[in-house]
Amino acid sequence: MPSFDVEFEVVCSCGEGLCNQSEGTSSRNGLYVTVDPCEKCLEKARDEGYDEGHTKGYDEGYEEARKDFE
């Protein structure tokens, strides 16, 4: 079976390069690239989750406190 080498860059949708977070492997079925999530996007998701949880907790706590005074 003929084979050839291919060079390519792996880039996250945010533009961050993922070459150091990627690993190429091969199997009987073909070639595969495994990519770990981008650190920038992981940090952004953590921050959004924290903000969402804080807002939800504040809103729920506020509603519970209002019930005590009604």
C-alpha atoms as a PDB file:
ATOM      1  CA  MET A   1       0.000   0.000   0.000  1.00  0.00           C
ATOM      2  CA  PRO A   2       1.461   3.408  -0.879  1.00  0.00           C
ATOM      3  CA  SER A   3       1.984   5.893   1.908  1.00  0.00           C
ATOM      4  CA  PHE A   4       2.917   9.555   2.184  1.00  0.00           C
ATOM      5  CA  ASP A   5       3.664  12.137   4.866  1.00  0.00           C
ATOM      6  CA  VAL A   6       1.414  15.098   5.534  1.00  0.00           C
ATOM      7  CA  GLU A   7       2.275  18.120   7.644  1.00  0.00           C
ATOM      8  CA  PHE A   8      -0.559  20.213   9.034  1.00  0.00           C
ATOM      9  CA  GLU A   9      -1.315  22.555  11.889  1.00  0.00           C
ATOM     10  CA  VAL A  10      -3.999  21.904  14.464  1.00  0.00           C
ATOM     11  CA  VAL A  11      -5.793  25.087  15.528  1.00  0.00           C
ATOM     12  CA  CYS A  12      -8.692  25.634  17.941  1.00  0.00           C
ATOM     13  CA  SER A  13     -11.726  27.566  16.717  1.00  0.00           C
ATOM     14  CA  CYS A  14     -10.536  30.440  18.955  1.00  0.00           C
ATOM     15  CA  GLY A  15      -7.270  30.578  16.986  1.00  0.00           C
ATOM     16  CA  GLU A  16      -5.002  29.012  19.605  1.00  0.00           C
ATOM     17  CA  GLY A  17      -2.462  26.571  18.195  1.00  0.00           C
ATOM     18  CA  LEU A  18      -2.913  23.019  19.470  1.00  0.00           C
ATOM     19  CA  CYS A  19       0.153  21.338  18.020  1.00  0.00           C
ATOM     20  CA  ASN A  20       1.610  20.615  21.474  1.00  0.00           C
ATOM     21  CA  GLN A  21      -1.749  19.215  22.593  1.00  0.00           C
ATOM     22  CA  SER A  22      -2.232  16.875  19.615  1.00  0.00           C
ATOM     23  CA  GLU A  23      -1.135  13.330  18.990  1.00  0.00           C
ATOM     24  CA  GLY A  24      -1.269  11.476  15.706  1.00  0.00           C
ATOM     25  CA  THR A  25      -1.796   7.708  15.656  1.00  0.00           C
ATOM     26  CA  SER A  26      -2.593   5.084  13.084  1.00  0.00           C
ATOM     27  CA  SER A  27      -4.546   1.856  13.093  1.00  0.00           C
ATOM     28  CA  ARG A  28      -5.806  -0.664  10.592  1.00  0.00           C
ATOM     29  CA  ASN A  29      -8.678   1.703   9.787  1.00  0.00           C
ATOM     30  CA  GLY A  30      -6.579   4.793   9.070  1.00  0.00           C
ATOM     31  CA  LEU A  31      -4.899   7.778  10.651  1.00  0.00           C
ATOM     32  CA  TYR A  32      -6.271   9.622  13.674  1.00  0.00           C
ATOM     33  CA  VAL A  33      -5.478  12.849  15.475  1.00  0.00           C
ATOM     34  CA  THR A  34      -6.375  13.149  19.147  1.00  0.00           C
ATOM     35  CA  VAL A  35      -6.617  16.733  20.407  1.00  0.00           C
ATOM     36  CA  ASP A  36      -6.844  17.889  24.014  1.00  0.00           C
ATOM     37  CA  PRO A  37      -9.056  20.950  24.629  1.00  0.00           C
ATOM     38  CA  CYS A  38      -7.485  24.386  24.247  1.00  0.00           C
ATOM     39  CA  GLU A  39      -6.406  25.861  27.606  1.00  0.00           C
ATOM     40  CA  LYS A  40      -7.897  29.271  26.700  1.00  0.00           C
ATOM     41  CA  CYS A  41     -11.297  27.711  25.941  1.00  0.00           C
ATOM     42  CA  LEU A  42     -11.177  25.552  29.079  1.00  0.00           C
ATOM     43  CA  GLU A  43     -10.454  28.609  31.216  1.00  0.00           C
ATOM     44  CA  LYS A  44     -13.239  30.560  29.496  1.00  0.00           C
ATOM     45  CA  ALA A  45     -15.703  27.687  30.103  1.00  0.00           C
ATOM     46  CA  ARG A  46     -14.674  27.472  33.781  1.00  0.00           C
ATOM     47  CA  ASP A  47     -15.164  31.222  34.195  1.00  0.00           C
ATOM     48  CA  GLU A  48     -18.568  31.120  32.485  1.00  0.00           C
ATOM     49  CA  GLY A  49     -19.629  28.177  34.666  1.00  0.00           C
ATOM     50  CA  TYR A  50     -18.511  29.992  37.802  1.00  0.00           C
ATOM     51  CA  ASP A  51     -20.333  33.170  36.789  1.00  0.00           C
ATOM     52  CA  GLU A  52     -23.495  31.240  35.917  1.00  0.00           C
ATOM     53  CA  GLY A  53     -23.412  29.332  39.209  1.00  0.00           C
ATOM     54  CA  HIS A  54     -22.800  32.507  41.197  1.00  0.00           C
ATOM     55  CA  THR A  55     -25.684  34.305  39.490  1.00  0.00           C
ATOM     56  CA  LYS A  56     -28.044  31.357  39.931  1.00  0.00           C
ATOM     57  CA  GLY A  57     -27.069  30.962  43.592  1.00  0.00           C
ATOM     58  CA  TYR A  58     -27.549  34.664  44.228  1.00  0.00           C
ATOM     59  CA  ASP A  59     -30.956  34.696  42.511  1.00  0.00           C
ATOM     60  CA  GLU A  60     -32.168  31.600  44.370  1.00  0.00           C
ATOM     61  CA  GLY A  61     -30.840  32.912  47.678  1.00  0.00           C
ATOM     62  CA  TYR A  62     -32.548  36.245  47.100  1.00  0.00           C
ATOM     63  CA  GLU A  63     -35.888  34.554  46.358  1.00  0.00           C
ATOM     64  CA  GLU A  64     -35.602  32.395  49.494  1.00  0.00           C
ATOM     65  CA  ALA A  65     -34.769  35.438  51.622  1.00  0.00           C
ATOM     66  CA  ARG A  66     -37.770  37.327  50.214  1.00  0.00           C
ATOM     67  CA  LYS A  67     -40.064  34.476  51.314  1.00  0.00           C
ATOM     68  CA  ASP A  68     -38.919  34.958  54.915  1.00  0.00           C
ATOM     69  CA  PHE A  69     -40.142  38.560  54.894  1.00  0.00           C
ATOM     70  CA  GLU A  70     -43.499  37.996  53.203  1.00  0.00           C
END
